[in-house]
Amino acid sequence: MAVTHPDGHAGLRSLGFYPAGYALFTLAPSSVVAAGVGHVMQRQTVTPGLFTAVCGGWLLIVSAYFSLPLIGVTAQI
């Protein structure tokens, strides 16, 4: 016999709603950073290396933005 949780997903279903809750909070800083990066990129030549560095840096920032608040939850799981 297996013990199940009332939500049918072992109590982890609420984590699926986590990214949607941060959507607007992510949109605001993303817009500000994109405007700043766009301003800089208009003033200098955009090379593939520069574009890759900007995209990689932003990926790290957004990953940290979403994952750092979940550290407390992962300790309980």
N, C-alpha and C. Protein backbone atom coordinates (compact mmCIF):
# COMPACT_ATOMS: atom_id res chain seq x y z
N MET A 1 0.84 -1.16 0.00
CA MET A 1 0.00 0.00 0.00
C MET A 1 0.90 1.24 0.00
N ALA A 2 0.60 2.20 -0.88
CA ALA A 2 1.38 3.42 -1.00
C ALA A 2 0.60 4.58 -0.39
N VAL A 3 1.32 5.41 0.31
CA VAL A 3 0.71 6.61 0.88
C VAL A 3 0.73 7.70 -0.18
N THR A 4 -0.40 8.34 -0.39
CA THR A 4 -0.45 9.41 -1.39
C THR A 4 -0.79 10.72 -0.72
N HIS A 5 -0.52 11.78 -1.40
CA HIS A 5 -0.80 13.12 -0.91
C HIS A 5 -2.11 13.60 -1.53
N PRO A 6 -2.87 14.46 -0.85
CA PRO A 6 -4.17 14.88 -1.39
C PRO A 6 -4.10 15.55 -2.76
N ASP A 7 -3.00 16.20 -3.09
CA ASP A 7 -2.96 16.85 -4.40
C ASP A 7 -2.55 15.90 -5.52
N GLY A 8 -2.20 14.67 -5.18
CA GLY A 8 -1.87 13.67 -6.19
C GLY A 8 -0.47 13.81 -6.77
N HIS A 9 0.32 14.73 -6.27
CA HIS A 9 1.67 14.94 -6.77
C HIS A 9 2.69 14.99 -5.63
N ALA A 10 2.45 14.28 -4.59
CA ALA A 10 3.35 14.20 -3.43
C ALA A 10 3.59 15.56 -2.78
N GLY A 11 2.66 16.47 -2.92
CA GLY A 11 2.80 17.79 -2.29
C GLY A 11 3.68 18.74 -3.06
N LEU A 12 4.14 18.35 -4.23
CA LEU A 12 5.04 19.19 -5.01
C LEU A 12 4.34 19.95 -6.12
N ARG A 13 3.03 19.79 -6.22
CA ARG A 13 2.30 20.46 -7.29
C ARG A 13 2.43 21.98 -7.19
N SER A 14 2.51 22.50 -6.00
CA SER A 14 2.61 23.96 -5.84
C SER A 14 3.89 24.51 -6.45
N LEU A 15 4.94 23.71 -6.55
CA LEU A 15 6.18 24.18 -7.15
C LEU A 15 6.01 24.45 -8.65
N GLY A 16 5.03 23.84 -9.26
CA GLY A 16 4.75 24.10 -10.67
C GLY A 16 4.20 25.49 -10.91
N PHE A 17 3.59 26.07 -9.90
CA PHE A 17 3.05 27.43 -10.02
C PHE A 17 4.09 28.49 -9.69
N TYR A 18 5.22 28.10 -9.18
CA TYR A 18 6.26 29.03 -8.75
C TYR A 18 6.75 29.94 -9.87
N PRO A 19 7.13 29.41 -11.05
CA PRO A 19 7.61 30.31 -12.11
C PRO A 19 6.54 31.30 -12.57
N ALA A 20 5.29 30.89 -12.61
CA ALA A 20 4.23 31.79 -13.05
C ALA A 20 4.05 32.95 -12.07
N GLY A 21 4.28 32.72 -10.81
CA GLY A 21 4.15 33.78 -9.82
C GLY A 21 5.22 34.84 -9.95
N TYR A 22 6.37 34.49 -10.51
CA TYR A 22 7.46 35.43 -10.67
C TYR A 22 7.52 36.04 -12.06
N ALA A 23 6.54 35.76 -12.91
CA ALA A 23 6.59 36.22 -14.30
C ALA A 23 6.65 37.74 -14.41
N LEU A 24 5.77 38.45 -13.71
CA LEU A 24 5.78 39.91 -13.80
C LEU A 24 7.02 40.51 -13.12
N PHE A 25 7.46 39.89 -12.04
CA PHE A 25 8.65 40.39 -11.36
C PHE A 25 9.90 40.15 -12.20
N THR A 26 9.87 39.15 -13.07
CA THR A 26 10.99 38.90 -13.97
C THR A 26 10.92 39.82 -15.17
N LEU A 27 9.72 40.13 -15.63
CA LEU A 27 9.56 41.00 -16.78
C LEU A 27 10.12 42.40 -16.52
N ALA A 28 9.90 42.94 -15.35
CA ALA A 28 10.35 44.30 -15.04
C ALA A 28 11.87 44.44 -15.08
N PRO A 29 12.64 43.63 -14.31
CA PRO A 29 14.09 43.79 -14.41
C PRO A 29 14.63 43.38 -15.77
N SER A 30 13.98 42.44 -16.44
CA SER A 30 14.42 42.05 -17.77
C SER A 30 14.31 43.21 -18.74
N SER A 31 13.23 43.96 -18.64
CA SER A 31 13.04 45.12 -19.52
C SER A 31 14.08 46.19 -19.26
N VAL A 32 14.38 46.44 -18.01
CA VAL A 32 15.37 47.46 -17.66
C VAL A 32 16.75 47.05 -18.16
N VAL A 33 17.12 45.81 -17.93
CA VAL A 33 18.43 45.33 -18.37
C VAL A 33 18.50 45.31 -19.89
N ALA A 34 17.44 44.88 -20.55
CA ALA A 34 17.42 44.85 -22.01
C ALA A 34 17.57 46.25 -22.60
N ALA A 35 16.95 47.24 -21.99
CA ALA A 35 17.08 48.61 -22.47
C ALA A 35 18.52 49.10 -22.31
N GLY A 36 19.12 48.80 -21.17
CA GLY A 36 20.52 49.21 -20.96
C GLY A 36 21.48 48.52 -21.91
N VAL A 37 21.29 47.22 -22.10
CA VAL A 37 22.16 46.47 -23.01
C VAL A 37 21.93 46.94 -24.45
N GLY A 38 20.68 47.19 -24.81
CA GLY A 38 20.39 47.68 -26.15
C GLY A 38 21.03 49.03 -26.42
N HIS A 39 21.03 49.89 -25.41
CA HIS A 39 21.67 51.20 -25.55
C HIS A 39 23.18 51.05 -25.79
N VAL A 40 23.81 50.19 -25.04
CA VAL A 40 25.26 49.96 -25.20
C VAL A 40 25.54 49.32 -26.56
N MET A 41 24.71 48.37 -26.95
CA MET A 41 24.96 47.66 -28.21
C MET A 41 24.70 48.55 -29.43
N GLN A 42 23.91 49.61 -29.29
CA GLN A 42 23.71 50.55 -30.39
C GLN A 42 24.95 51.41 -30.62
N ARG A 43 25.72 51.61 -29.57
CA ARG A 43 26.86 52.50 -29.64
C ARG A 43 28.17 51.81 -30.04
N GLN A 44 28.20 50.50 -30.02
CA GLN A 44 29.42 49.79 -30.41
C GLN A 44 29.08 48.62 -31.32
N THR A 45 30.09 48.09 -31.97
CA THR A 45 29.89 46.97 -32.88
C THR A 45 29.54 45.72 -32.09
N VAL A 46 28.50 45.04 -32.52
CA VAL A 46 28.06 43.83 -31.84
C VAL A 46 28.72 42.63 -32.52
N THR A 47 29.57 41.97 -31.79
CA THR A 47 30.22 40.77 -32.31
C THR A 47 29.49 39.55 -31.74
N PRO A 48 29.66 38.41 -32.39
CA PRO A 48 29.03 37.21 -31.83
C PRO A 48 29.51 36.90 -30.41
N GLY A 49 30.76 37.18 -30.11
CA GLY A 49 31.28 36.94 -28.76
C GLY A 49 30.62 37.83 -27.73
N LEU A 50 30.42 39.11 -28.08
CA LEU A 50 29.76 40.04 -27.16
C LEU A 50 28.31 39.62 -26.93
N PHE A 51 27.63 39.26 -28.00
CA PHE A 51 26.24 38.84 -27.87
C PHE A 51 26.13 37.58 -27.03
N THR A 52 27.03 36.63 -27.22
CA THR A 52 27.03 35.40 -26.43
C THR A 52 27.30 35.69 -24.96
N ALA A 53 28.23 36.59 -24.69
CA ALA A 53 28.55 36.94 -23.30
C ALA A 53 27.35 37.60 -22.62
N VAL A 54 26.67 38.49 -23.33
CA VAL A 54 25.49 39.17 -22.76
C VAL A 54 24.39 38.16 -22.47
N CYS A 55 24.12 37.27 -23.43
CA CYS A 55 23.06 36.27 -23.24
C CYS A 55 23.42 35.29 -22.13
N GLY A 56 24.67 34.86 -22.06
CA GLY A 56 25.10 33.95 -21.00
C GLY A 56 25.02 34.58 -19.62
N GLY A 57 25.43 35.84 -19.53
CA GLY A 57 25.34 36.55 -18.26
C GLY A 57 23.90 36.71 -17.79
N TRP A 58 23.01 37.05 -18.73
CA TRP A 58 21.61 37.20 -18.36
C TRP A 58 21.00 35.86 -17.97
N LEU A 59 21.41 34.79 -18.61
CA LEU A 59 20.92 33.46 -18.24
C LEU A 59 21.33 33.11 -16.81
N LEU A 60 22.54 33.45 -16.42
CA LEU A 60 22.99 33.20 -15.04
C LEU A 60 22.19 34.03 -14.04
N ILE A 61 21.93 35.28 -14.37
CA ILE A 61 21.17 36.14 -13.47
C ILE A 61 19.75 35.62 -13.28
N VAL A 62 19.09 35.26 -14.37
CA VAL A 62 17.71 34.77 -14.27
C VAL A 62 17.67 33.42 -13.55
N SER A 63 18.65 32.57 -13.80
CA SER A 63 18.70 31.28 -13.10
C SER A 63 18.84 31.48 -11.59
N ALA A 64 19.70 32.40 -11.19
CA ALA A 64 19.86 32.69 -9.76
C ALA A 64 18.59 33.32 -9.20
N TYR A 65 17.96 34.17 -9.98
CA TYR A 65 16.73 34.86 -9.56
C TYR A 65 15.63 33.87 -9.23
N PHE A 66 15.53 32.79 -10.02
CA PHE A 66 14.50 31.79 -9.78
C PHE A 66 14.92 30.74 -8.76
N SER A 67 16.20 30.39 -8.70
CA SER A 67 16.61 29.28 -7.86
C SER A 67 16.93 29.66 -6.41
N LEU A 68 17.41 30.84 -6.16
CA LEU A 68 17.78 31.21 -4.79
C LEU A 68 16.61 31.15 -3.81
N PRO A 69 15.41 31.60 -4.16
CA PRO A 69 14.30 31.49 -3.21
C PRO A 69 13.88 30.05 -2.92
N LEU A 70 14.26 29.11 -3.77
CA LEU A 70 13.87 27.72 -3.59
C LEU A 70 14.84 26.94 -2.69
N ILE A 71 15.90 27.56 -2.22
CA ILE A 71 16.86 26.85 -1.38
C ILE A 71 16.20 26.35 -0.10
N GLY A 72 15.32 27.15 0.48
CA GLY A 72 14.61 26.72 1.70
C GLY A 72 13.70 25.53 1.44
N VAL A 73 13.07 25.49 0.29
CA VAL A 73 12.17 24.38 -0.05
C VAL A 73 12.96 23.10 -0.29
N THR A 74 14.10 23.21 -0.96
CA THR A 74 14.89 22.02 -1.26
C THR A 74 15.45 21.39 0.03
N ALA A 75 15.67 22.20 1.04
CA ALA A 75 16.17 21.64 2.30
C ALA A 75 15.11 20.77 2.96
N GLN A 76 13.84 21.10 2.75
CA GLN A 76 12.75 20.32 3.33
C GLN A 76 12.42 19.06 2.52
N ILE A 77 12.74 19.11 1.24
CA ILE A 77 12.45 17.96 0.38
C ILE A 77 13.55 16.97 0.57
